[in-house]
Protein backbone atom coordinates (compact mmCIF):
# COMPACT_ATOMS: atom_id res chain seq x y z
CA MET A 1 -0.03 0.01 -0.01
CA THR A 2 1.41 3.42 -1.02
CA ASN A 3 1.51 6.50 1.17
CA LEU A 4 -1.41 7.96 -0.73
CA ASP A 5 -3.53 5.01 0.27
CA GLN A 6 -2.87 5.46 3.95
CA PRO A 7 -5.66 6.76 6.13
CA GLY A 8 -5.32 10.46 6.80
CA THR A 9 -4.06 11.41 3.36
CA HIS A 10 -6.15 13.26 0.80
CA ARG A 11 -6.58 10.01 -1.14
CA SER A 12 -7.44 7.81 1.75
CA ILE A 13 -10.10 5.18 1.47
CA SER A 14 -13.58 6.63 1.98
CA ARG A 15 -15.21 5.96 5.33
CA GLY A 16 -17.26 2.82 5.24
CA SER A 17 -15.41 1.22 2.33
CA ALA A 18 -12.90 -0.74 4.41
CA SER A 19 -12.44 -2.11 7.90
CA VAL A 20 -13.19 0.76 10.23
CA PRO A 21 -13.33 1.47 13.95
CA GLU A 22 -16.44 1.50 16.00
CA SER A 23 -18.68 4.57 15.75
CA SER A 24 -19.08 6.80 18.79
CA LEU A 25 -21.17 9.49 17.22
CA PRO A 26 -24.91 10.03 17.89
CA VAL A 27 -25.74 11.42 14.37
CA GLY A 28 -25.84 10.15 10.80
CA ARG A 29 -28.34 8.23 8.73
CA PHE A 30 -27.26 5.09 10.61
CA GLY A 31 -25.91 5.26 14.14
CA ARG A 32 -25.87 3.63 17.52
CA MET A 33 -28.37 3.75 20.30
CA PHE A 34 -25.99 2.30 22.91
CA ARG A 35 -22.75 3.97 21.95
CA ASN A 36 -21.03 3.26 25.31
CA LEU A 37 -21.49 -0.53 25.21
CA PRO A 38 -18.69 -2.80 23.90
CA SER A 39 -19.04 -4.71 20.66
CA TYR A 40 -19.82 -8.38 20.88
CA GLU A 41 -18.05 -10.31 18.12
CA PRO A 42 -18.50 -14.07 18.66
CA GLU A 43 -16.58 -16.49 16.45
CA GLU A 44 -18.18 -17.84 13.33
CA PRO A 45 -18.50 -21.45 14.58
CA PHE A 46 -20.62 -20.17 17.49
CA LEU A 47 -22.83 -18.19 15.14
CA ARG A 48 -23.35 -21.28 13.00
CA GLU A 49 -24.20 -23.30 16.02
CA VAL A 50 -26.84 -20.76 17.09
CA ALA A 51 -28.22 -20.54 13.54
CA ASP A 52 -28.55 -24.33 13.39
CA GLN A 53 -30.84 -24.19 16.48
CA MET A 54 -33.16 -21.69 14.82
CA VAL A 55 -34.89 -23.95 12.32
CA GLU A 56 -38.66 -24.40 12.94
CA GLY A 57 -39.83 -27.84 13.90
CA GLU A 58 -43.54 -27.89 14.65
CA ALA A 59 -45.00 -24.57 13.39
CA VAL A 60 -46.81 -22.57 16.08
CA ASP A 61 -49.18 -19.82 15.05
CA SER A 62 -49.62 -16.59 16.96
CA GLU A 63 -52.99 -16.09 18.61
CA THR A 64 -52.98 -12.25 18.16
CA LEU A 65 -50.78 -11.32 15.21
CA PRO A 66 -52.39 -11.63 11.75
CA ALA A 67 -50.26 -12.83 8.84
CA GLY A 68 -50.42 -9.49 7.11
CA LEU A 69 -48.66 -7.74 10.05
CA THR A 70 -45.42 -9.44 8.90
CA TYR A 71 -45.57 -7.66 5.56
CA PHE A 72 -46.77 -4.37 6.85
CA GLY A 73 -43.68 -4.49 8.99
CA GLN A 74 -41.54 -5.22 5.94
CA PHE A 75 -43.21 -2.27 4.10
CA VAL A 76 -42.35 0.03 7.03
CA ASP A 77 -38.77 -1.13 7.11
CA HIS A 78 -38.39 -0.43 3.39
CA ASP A 79 -39.86 3.07 3.90
CA LEU A 80 -37.28 3.89 6.51
CA THR A 81 -34.01 2.19 5.48
CA PHE A 82 -32.03 1.03 2.52
CA ASP A 83 -28.33 0.22 2.92
CA PRO A 84 -26.85 -1.28 -0.30
CA VAL A 85 -23.16 -1.07 0.68
CA SER A 86 -22.61 -2.63 4.13
CA SER A 87 -20.62 -5.87 4.09
CA LEU A 88 -20.87 -9.15 5.89
CA ALA A 89 -17.16 -9.72 5.43
CA ARG A 90 -15.86 -6.84 7.53
CA GLN A 91 -16.74 -4.70 10.45
CA ASN A 92 -18.89 -1.75 9.47
CA ASP A 93 -19.07 1.71 10.96
CA PRO A 94 -22.74 2.73 11.17
CA ASP A 95 -21.93 6.45 10.91
CA ALA A 96 -20.17 5.81 7.62
CA LEU A 97 -23.19 4.02 6.09
CA THR A 98 -25.85 5.94 4.24
CA SER A 99 -29.47 5.01 4.21
CA PHE A 100 -30.95 5.76 0.86
CA ARG A 101 -34.29 6.31 2.53
CA THR A 102 -35.29 9.30 4.55
CA PRO A 103 -35.55 8.22 8.24
CA VAL A 104 -39.19 9.38 8.43
CA PHE A 105 -42.59 7.81 7.78
CA ASP A 106 -43.14 9.65 4.54
CA LEU A 107 -43.94 6.81 2.06
CA ASP A 108 -40.97 7.52 -0.15
CA CYS A 109 -41.07 3.85 -1.08
CA VAL A 110 -44.42 4.75 -2.70
CA TYR A 111 -43.81 8.22 -4.02
CA GLY A 112 -40.09 7.71 -4.89
CA ARG A 113 -38.26 10.94 -5.74
CA GLY A 114 -41.39 12.66 -7.02
CA ARG A 115 -43.13 13.33 -10.33
CA ASP A 116 -40.36 15.37 -11.83
CA ASP A 117 -37.57 12.88 -11.20
CA GLN A 118 -39.48 9.65 -11.71
CA PRO A 119 -42.37 10.57 -14.04
CA TYR A 120 -42.76 6.93 -15.25
CA MET A 121 -44.41 6.11 -11.88
CA TYR A 122 -47.17 8.68 -12.32
CA ASP A 123 -50.28 9.31 -14.39
CA GLY A 124 -50.95 13.00 -13.77
CA ASP A 125 -51.87 13.43 -10.12
CA LYS A 126 -52.36 9.70 -9.75
CA MET A 127 -49.96 6.83 -9.36
CA LEU A 128 -49.58 4.57 -12.37
CA ILE A 129 -51.23 1.17 -11.98
CA GLY A 130 -50.47 -1.94 -14.01
CA VAL A 131 -52.46 -5.07 -14.89
CA ALA A 132 -51.81 -8.66 -14.12
CA GLU A 133 -51.29 -11.31 -16.80
CA GLY A 134 -54.54 -11.61 -18.71
CA GLY A 135 -55.41 -7.97 -18.09
CA ASN A 136 -58.28 -8.62 -15.63
CA GLU A 137 -56.66 -7.79 -12.29
CA LYS A 138 -54.59 -4.84 -11.03
CA ASP A 139 -50.84 -5.21 -10.51
CA LEU A 140 -47.89 -2.89 -9.97
CA PRO A 141 -46.79 -1.00 -13.07
CA ARG A 142 -43.96 -2.96 -14.79
CA ASN A 143 -41.52 -2.80 -17.66
CA GLY A 144 -42.12 -5.12 -20.56
CA LYS A 145 -39.43 -7.73 -19.81
CA PRO A 146 -38.40 -9.02 -17.38
CA GLY A 147 -41.44 -7.48 -15.70
CA ARG A 148 -39.74 -5.55 -12.95
CA ALA A 149 -41.96 -3.19 -10.98
CA LEU A 150 -41.62 0.58 -11.60
CA ILE A 151 -41.96 1.67 -8.04
CA GLY A 152 -40.18 3.84 -5.41
CA ASP A 153 -38.44 0.79 -3.79
CA PRO A 154 -37.79 -2.34 -5.79
CA ARG A 155 -37.65 -4.36 -2.58
CA ASN A 156 -41.44 -3.98 -2.35
CA ASP A 157 -41.65 -6.45 -5.24
CA GLU A 158 -39.66 -9.15 -3.42
CA ASN A 159 -42.73 -11.31 -2.83
CA ILE A 160 -46.34 -11.29 -3.97
CA ILE A 161 -47.69 -10.28 -0.56
CA VAL A 162 -45.61 -7.14 -0.03
CA SER A 163 -46.00 -6.21 -3.72
CA GLN A 164 -49.78 -6.19 -3.37
CA LEU A 165 -49.48 -4.12 -0.15
CA GLN A 166 -47.42 -1.65 -2.18
CA LEU A 167 -50.21 -1.71 -4.79
CA ALA A 168 -52.77 -0.99 -2.05
CA PHE A 169 -50.91 2.19 -1.12
CA LEU A 170 -50.77 3.26 -4.79
CA LEU A 171 -54.54 2.69 -4.96
CA LEU A 172 -55.00 4.53 -1.65
CA HIS A 173 -53.40 7.65 -3.16
CA ASN A 174 -55.59 7.38 -6.23
CA ARG A 175 -58.80 7.02 -4.26
CA LEU A 176 -57.83 10.03 -2.17
CA ILE A 177 -57.28 12.03 -5.38
CA ASP A 178 -60.85 11.30 -6.45
CA ASP A 179 -62.41 11.95 -3.05
CA LEU A 180 -60.67 15.24 -2.53
CA GLN A 181 -62.09 16.73 -5.74
CA PRO A 182 -64.89 19.37 -5.44
CA GLY A 183 -67.93 17.49 -4.24
CA GLY A 184 -65.89 14.48 -3.27
CA ALA A 185 -66.42 12.49 -0.12
CA LEU A 186 -63.31 13.93 1.58
CA GLU A 187 -63.40 17.46 0.14
CA GLN A 188 -64.10 18.94 3.60
CA HIS A 189 -60.80 17.53 4.85
CA ARG A 190 -58.62 19.56 2.50
CA TRP A 191 -56.32 22.10 4.03
CA SER A 192 -56.53 24.44 1.05
CA SER A 193 -57.74 24.76 -2.49
CA GLY A 194 -54.19 24.19 -3.74
CA SER A 195 -52.63 21.00 -5.05
CA THR A 196 -54.88 18.02 -4.87
CA PHE A 197 -51.81 15.85 -5.24
CA GLN A 198 -50.16 17.25 -2.12
CA GLU A 199 -53.41 16.96 -0.20
CA ALA A 200 -53.73 13.29 -1.12
CA GLN A 201 -50.10 12.70 -0.27
CA ARG A 202 -50.55 14.32 3.14
CA LEU A 203 -53.58 12.23 4.01
CA ALA A 204 -51.92 9.00 2.76
CA ARG A 205 -48.91 9.70 4.95
CA TRP A 206 -50.95 10.67 8.01
CA HIS A 207 -53.11 7.54 7.84
CA TYR A 208 -49.96 5.45 7.44
CA GLN A 209 -48.32 7.20 10.49
CA TRP A 210 -51.55 6.60 12.50
CA LEU A 211 -51.30 2.86 11.69
CA VAL A 212 -47.72 2.74 12.93
CA LEU A 213 -48.58 4.54 16.15
CA GLU A 214 -52.04 3.13 16.99
CA TRP A 215 -52.18 -0.25 15.24
CA PHE A 216 -48.72 -1.70 14.62
CA LEU A 217 -46.70 -0.76 17.70
CA PRO A 218 -49.37 -1.73 20.27
CA ARG A 219 -49.57 -5.15 18.75
CA ILE A 220 -45.88 -5.96 18.96
CA CYS A 221 -44.56 -3.95 21.94
CA ASP A 222 -44.84 -4.30 25.68
CA GLN A 223 -47.67 -2.04 26.84
CA GLU A 224 -45.76 -0.71 29.85
CA VAL A 225 -42.90 0.37 27.55
CA LEU A 226 -45.31 2.11 25.18
CA GLY A 227 -47.15 3.77 28.08
CA GLN A 228 -43.87 5.38 29.16
CA LEU A 229 -43.39 6.84 25.69
CA VAL A 230 -46.81 7.94 24.31
CA ARG A 231 -48.86 10.68 25.95
CA LYS A 232 -52.59 10.94 25.30
CA GLU A 233 -54.57 13.82 26.74
CA PRO A 234 -58.32 14.30 26.24
CA VAL A 235 -59.15 17.72 24.72
CA ASP A 236 -62.55 19.04 23.49
CA GLY A 237 -63.99 15.60 22.90
CA GLY A 238 -60.81 14.39 21.14
CA THR A 239 -57.36 13.20 22.02
CA CYS A 240 -54.05 15.09 21.81
CA ARG A 241 -51.18 12.71 21.16
CA SER A 242 -47.52 13.38 21.73
CA ILE A 243 -44.22 11.45 22.28
CA LYS A 244 -42.48 11.69 25.57
CA PRO A 245 -38.71 12.05 25.83
CA ARG A 246 -36.80 8.83 25.16
CA ARG A 247 -34.08 7.49 27.42
CA PHE A 248 -31.90 5.96 24.66
CA TYR A 249 -32.95 7.16 21.21
CA ASP A 250 -32.02 10.87 21.30
CA PRO A 251 -30.89 12.30 17.98
CA GLN A 252 -28.94 15.50 18.78
CA VAL A 253 -28.78 16.96 15.30
CA ARG A 254 -30.97 14.98 12.92
CA PRO A 255 -32.88 11.62 12.95
CA TYR A 256 -30.89 8.52 12.31
CA ILE A 257 -31.52 4.75 12.19
CA PRO A 258 -29.92 2.83 15.08
CA VAL A 259 -28.22 -0.35 13.95
CA GLU A 260 -29.61 -1.98 17.10
CA TRP A 261 -33.04 -1.42 15.48
CA SER A 262 -32.26 -2.26 11.83
CA VAL A 263 -29.86 -5.19 12.38
CA ALA A 264 -31.33 -6.77 15.52
CA ALA A 265 -34.61 -5.69 17.13
CA TYR A 266 -36.72 -5.03 14.06
CA ARG A 267 -35.68 -8.34 12.51
CA PHE A 268 -38.06 -9.94 14.92
CA GLY A 269 -40.33 -9.93 11.84
CA HIS A 270 -38.33 -12.85 10.30
CA SER A 271 -39.67 -15.13 12.99
CA LEU A 272 -43.30 -14.20 11.99
CA ILE A 273 -42.94 -15.53 8.46
CA ARG A 274 -45.06 -18.52 7.56
CA GLN A 275 -43.71 -21.09 5.09
CA LYS A 276 -46.93 -21.10 3.16
CA TYR A 277 -49.88 -18.75 2.52
CA HIS A 278 -53.28 -18.83 0.87
CA LEU A 279 -53.88 -15.75 -1.34
CA ASN A 280 -57.66 -15.92 -1.90
CA PRO A 281 -60.60 -18.35 -1.72
CA THR A 282 -60.72 -18.93 -5.45
CA LEU A 283 -57.12 -19.98 -5.72
CA ARG A 284 -57.32 -22.07 -2.55
CA GLY A 285 -60.32 -23.98 -3.97
CA PHE A 286 -58.53 -24.48 -7.27
CA ARG A 287 -55.41 -25.83 -5.55
CA ASN A 288 -57.47 -28.31 -3.48
CA GLY A 289 -56.72 -26.39 -0.33
CA GLU A 290 -52.95 -26.30 -0.74
CA PRO A 291 -51.26 -22.92 0.13
CA LEU A 292 -48.31 -21.51 -1.73
CA ASP A 293 -44.72 -21.44 -0.48
CA ILE A 294 -43.39 -17.94 0.33
CA PHE A 295 -40.44 -19.07 -1.82
CA LEU A 296 -38.71 -22.26 -2.77
CA LYS A 297 -35.06 -23.13 -2.52
CA ASP A 298 -34.57 -22.60 -6.26
CA PRO A 299 -37.51 -20.50 -7.52
CA PRO A 300 -35.95 -19.61 -10.89
CA GLU A 301 -35.97 -23.29 -11.83
CA ALA A 302 -39.17 -24.13 -10.00
CA ASP A 303 -42.68 -23.90 -11.36
CA ARG A 304 -43.51 -20.24 -10.81
CA LEU A 305 -47.08 -21.17 -9.78
CA GLN A 306 -45.77 -23.00 -6.66
CA HIS A 307 -44.20 -20.03 -4.83
CA LEU A 308 -44.83 -16.40 -4.00
CA ASP A 309 -41.50 -14.97 -5.11
CA GLY A 310 -41.92 -11.57 -6.69
CA ARG A 311 -40.20 -9.52 -9.39
CA ARG A 312 -42.69 -10.78 -12.10
CA PRO A 313 -46.21 -9.89 -13.31
CA LEU A 314 -49.04 -11.06 -11.08
CA PRO A 315 -50.47 -14.38 -12.39
CA PRO A 316 -54.26 -14.43 -13.04
CA PHE A 317 -56.49 -15.10 -9.98
CA TRP A 318 -53.61 -14.22 -7.58
CA THR A 319 -55.09 -11.00 -6.27
CA ILE A 320 -54.90 -11.04 -2.50
CA CYS A 321 -58.04 -11.32 -0.34
CA TRP A 322 -56.93 -9.09 2.54
CA ARG A 323 -59.50 -10.65 4.87
CA MET A 324 -57.20 -13.72 4.86
CA PHE A 325 -54.32 -11.55 6.14
CA PHE A 326 -55.86 -8.91 8.45
CA ASP A 327 -58.75 -8.93 10.93
CA PHE A 328 -61.81 -7.33 9.26
CA GLY A 329 -64.18 -8.50 12.07
CA GLY A 330 -67.03 -10.88 11.71
CA ASP A 331 -66.30 -14.44 10.50
CA GLN A 332 -62.54 -14.97 10.71
CA ALA A 333 -62.44 -18.56 9.67
CA ASP A 334 -60.16 -17.74 6.71
CA LEU A 335 -57.82 -15.44 8.65
CA GLN A 336 -54.22 -16.67 8.61
CA MET A 337 -52.00 -15.84 11.53
CA ALA A 338 -48.35 -15.04 11.72
CA ARG A 339 -45.97 -17.37 13.52
CA LYS A 340 -45.09 -16.55 17.09
CA ILE A 341 -42.17 -14.29 17.87
CA ASP A 342 -39.54 -16.85 18.91
CA THR A 343 -36.14 -18.19 18.03
CA LYS A 344 -37.48 -20.49 15.30
CA LEU A 345 -37.61 -19.46 11.62
CA ALA A 346 -39.87 -21.14 9.03
CA LYS A 347 -38.17 -24.17 7.48
CA GLY A 348 -38.15 -22.51 4.07
CA LEU A 349 -35.70 -19.90 5.47
CA GLU A 350 -33.21 -22.53 6.36
CA PHE A 351 -31.45 -21.83 3.05
CA LEU A 352 -32.23 -18.80 0.94
CA PRO A 353 -32.96 -19.40 -2.74
CA GLY A 354 -30.18 -20.50 -5.02
CA THR A 355 -27.86 -22.53 -2.79
CA GLU A 356 -27.62 -24.95 0.13
CA ASP A 357 -24.61 -23.08 1.51
CA PRO A 358 -25.27 -22.65 5.28
CA ALA A 359 -23.84 -19.13 4.89
CA ARG A 360 -26.94 -18.32 2.91
CA ALA A 361 -29.31 -19.27 5.79
CA LEU A 362 -31.30 -16.30 6.92
CA ALA A 363 -30.53 -16.93 10.60
CA PHE A 364 -26.80 -17.11 10.06
CA ARG A 365 -26.76 -14.00 7.87
CA ASN A 366 -28.64 -12.02 10.53
CA LEU A 367 -26.29 -13.19 13.25
CA GLN A 368 -23.19 -12.48 11.12
CA ARG A 369 -24.48 -9.03 10.23
CA GLY A 370 -24.88 -8.18 13.90
CA ALA A 371 -21.28 -9.19 14.54
CA THR A 372 -19.88 -7.16 11.60
CA MET A 373 -21.80 -4.16 12.84
CA GLY A 374 -20.28 -4.55 16.28
CA LEU A 375 -23.58 -4.77 18.16
CA PRO A 376 -23.45 -5.32 21.91
CA SER A 377 -24.65 -8.60 23.38
CA GLY A 378 -28.31 -8.92 24.51
CA GLU A 379 -27.21 -9.22 28.10
CA ALA A 380 -25.25 -5.98 27.91
CA VAL A 381 -28.25 -4.09 26.52
CA ALA A 382 -30.50 -5.61 29.24
CA ARG A 383 -28.17 -4.43 31.96
CA ARG A 384 -28.09 -0.91 30.34
CA LEU A 385 -31.88 -0.88 30.53
CA CYS A 386 -31.73 -2.01 34.23
CA VAL A 387 -33.45 -5.23 33.23
CA LYS A 388 -32.27 -8.51 34.70
CA PRO A 389 -30.65 -10.41 31.79
CA LEU A 390 -31.84 -13.80 30.74
CA SER A 391 -29.69 -16.60 32.10
CA ARG A 392 -27.54 -18.92 30.00
CA GLN A 393 -30.04 -21.64 30.80
CA GLN A 394 -32.96 -19.58 29.63
CA LEU A 395 -31.12 -18.69 26.45
CA GLY A 396 -29.87 -22.19 25.85
CA LEU A 397 -26.38 -20.90 24.92
CA GLN A 398 -22.91 -21.45 26.38
CA GLN A 399 -21.90 -17.81 26.02
CA GLU A 400 -23.54 -14.40 25.77
CA ALA A 401 -26.27 -14.06 23.15
CA PRO A 402 -26.18 -12.00 19.97
CA LEU A 403 -28.67 -9.19 20.34
CA TRP A 404 -31.11 -10.41 17.68
CA TYR A 405 -31.29 -13.91 19.17
CA TYR A 406 -31.69 -12.46 22.68
CA ILE A 407 -34.60 -10.31 21.64
CA LEU A 408 -36.41 -13.29 20.06
CA ARG A 409 -35.82 -15.44 23.10
CA GLU A 410 -36.94 -12.65 25.43
CA ALA A 411 -40.26 -12.40 23.47
CA GLU A 412 -40.69 -16.15 23.68
CA ILE A 413 -40.25 -16.22 27.44
CA PHE A 414 -41.87 -12.95 28.61
CA GLY A 415 -44.29 -12.20 25.80
CA ASP A 416 -45.46 -15.76 25.09
CA GLY A 417 -44.34 -15.15 21.55
CA GLU A 418 -47.12 -12.56 21.08
CA LYS A 419 -45.12 -9.38 21.97
CA LEU A 420 -41.59 -8.33 22.31
CA GLY A 421 -40.01 -8.14 25.78
CA ARG A 422 -38.57 -5.06 27.40
CA VAL A 423 -35.33 -5.05 25.47
CA GLY A 424 -36.92 -5.56 22.10
CA SER A 425 -39.82 -3.25 22.82
CA THR A 426 -37.55 -0.40 24.02
CA ILE A 427 -35.38 -0.46 20.91
CA VAL A 428 -38.29 -0.81 18.48
CA ALA A 429 -40.62 1.70 20.14
CA GLU A 430 -38.05 4.39 21.05
CA THR A 431 -36.73 4.33 17.55
CA MET A 432 -40.02 4.47 15.71
CA LEU A 433 -41.72 6.91 18.06
CA GLY A 434 -38.59 9.07 18.00
CA LEU A 435 -38.69 9.24 14.26
CA LEU A 436 -42.36 10.29 14.35
CA ALA A 437 -41.55 12.96 16.96
CA ALA A 438 -38.68 14.30 14.98
CA ASP A 439 -40.58 14.74 11.71
CA PRO A 440 -41.96 18.33 11.56
CA PHE A 441 -44.54 17.22 8.99
CA SER A 442 -45.96 14.23 10.86
CA PHE A 443 -49.53 14.53 12.14
CA LEU A 444 -48.12 14.43 15.67
CA ARG A 445 -46.11 17.62 15.06
CA THR A 446 -48.59 19.35 12.75
CA GLU A 447 -52.03 18.42 14.13
CA PRO A 448 -51.75 16.24 17.22
CA THR A 449 -55.52 15.94 17.62
CA TRP A 450 -55.99 14.61 14.10
CA GLU A 451 -58.02 11.42 13.58
CA PRO A 452 -58.31 9.27 10.44
CA VAL A 453 -60.84 10.62 7.96
CA ILE A 454 -61.11 7.53 5.79
CA PRO A 455 -64.47 5.92 6.66
CA GLN A 456 -64.50 3.07 9.12
CA THR A 457 -66.11 -0.04 7.74
CA THR A 458 -65.07 -2.62 10.34
CA GLY A 459 -65.79 -2.92 14.05
CA GLY A 460 -63.56 -1.59 16.85
CA GLU A 461 -60.89 1.07 16.40
CA TRP A 462 -59.92 2.37 12.95
CA ASP A 463 -57.09 0.29 11.69
CA ILE A 464 -55.46 -1.19 8.55
CA ALA A 465 -58.58 -3.14 7.59
CA ASP A 466 -60.44 0.15 7.15
CA LEU A 467 -57.64 1.56 4.97
CA LEU A 468 -57.60 -1.55 2.78
CA ALA A 469 -61.41 -1.69 2.47
CA TYR A 470 -61.26 1.95 1.26
CA ALA A 471 -58.26 1.58 -1.07
CA VAL A 472 -58.93 -1.88 -2.50
CA PRO A 473 -62.72 -2.48 -2.47
CA ASP A 474 -62.42 -4.99 -5.36
CA ASP A 475 -59.78 -7.29 -3.74
CA GLY A 476 -59.54 -11.01 -4.26
CA CYS A 477 -62.16 -12.10 -1.65
CA THR A 478 -64.88 -12.25 -4.33
CA LEU A 479 -62.58 -12.98 -7.29
CA GLN A 480 -64.32 -15.10 -9.93
CA PRO A 481 -62.92 -16.44 -13.21
CA PRO A 482 -64.37 -14.50 -16.15
CA GLY A 483 -67.55 -16.06 -17.66
CA GLU A 484 -67.68 -19.79 -17.46
CA THR A 485 -63.97 -20.32 -18.11
CA PRO A 486 -62.28 -21.95 -15.17
CA PRO A 487 -58.70 -21.20 -14.27
CA PRO A 488 -56.07 -23.01 -16.38
CA PRO A 489 -54.85 -26.39 -15.10
CA GLU A 490 -52.43 -26.25 -12.21
CA GLY A 491 -48.93 -25.59 -13.51
CA ALA A 492 -50.07 -24.33 -16.88
CA ARG A 493 -47.29 -22.17 -18.31
CA SER A 494 -49.80 -19.75 -19.91
CA TRP A 495 -50.07 -18.14 -16.46
């Protein structure tokens, strides 16, 4: 290495592009929540041993978490973060990594960089909508071949379920455009007579933020932890909401994404994934009751009608019936549930598509990423939170636990697999509520007494079922083959 390659010279290697020291700064797109805790870097054989224990045996469904919550969580993650440059092969400095997403709940995975920069995503004030194969059902807009989605975040086309949730938010915007017109159902909720596009965008974002605050977090986080962070005060027949000061997530200059959230705590969602899903009653009946794999080991070579891998046009009759993924009230016989939050991942995640290399197992990759990011151990974070750490016996490990594994085991023991424990809840809730509080354009900062204006069509509190019923009234619950023509035979390549 020449002198000009040495760190400290004008031609030194850019931060984040080589092995770098631990970060100690509280700012940046990525950063640390627990900057004073030591890194925990277990040896690879130990990580492989832990990963080998994390394969699901008998599948256990959650009693409270619907299957769709898994993919709403994935949608939220893609809205907040995108790190294309961190490496599994070296230690990474979070302050040197850039998230190519704004760390706010602004739906930039839907709106992208805007109409001027990405006009191919738009149709005037509305979002461009595509059609599925056969032209009878809605799909994401796509290029001709190979059929990649033209959307703000390509990761939201990773599987059929998240791609149709992305589609639902595109349709939400378009329905809001119609209802905000003069004489429309929501005209009275406009702020001004200015841009209808901006009004629709504001309402889409605020309803989405409401779901994060009032529907998503209460279902996954410890209620005592949330109660210490969210303030609700009755005012004039309504409720004023605000976020209390956080103990650990405290951006001093601008919001950032803690790696403890992105690399460990928020990856609790991987344990929620089912191996197989039904999409709608029509397809279920046609397949003799057999659900579809979320993905197969080798989907490029497999029959594409046997798995839910994305990055392709939607096959006919694959429109999702959202009542099979979220609680719409009434008869819930068809509602699928997520798996419990525990240390077991669905068997299909034992090897990611394309190889049987154990290094491609999702559990091992998550554990390895935590080590390369220099995360503290789960026990160290528990002690920092003044929580008694889980014992080695409770963890089932011979040494301290990687933070991600610890959080899953904590949820299994103290939350019965239905909610995160105190360590996981603190990291998830403080981060997400802190981001909402730091956004000057969120409804919490702009109009803290605001309530959803999309009509409520289900029982109980307004939630994601009401948003989906409004945005996608013609979903796959009543999907019927056109005319008298039944679906093509199973495996037919014309699909």
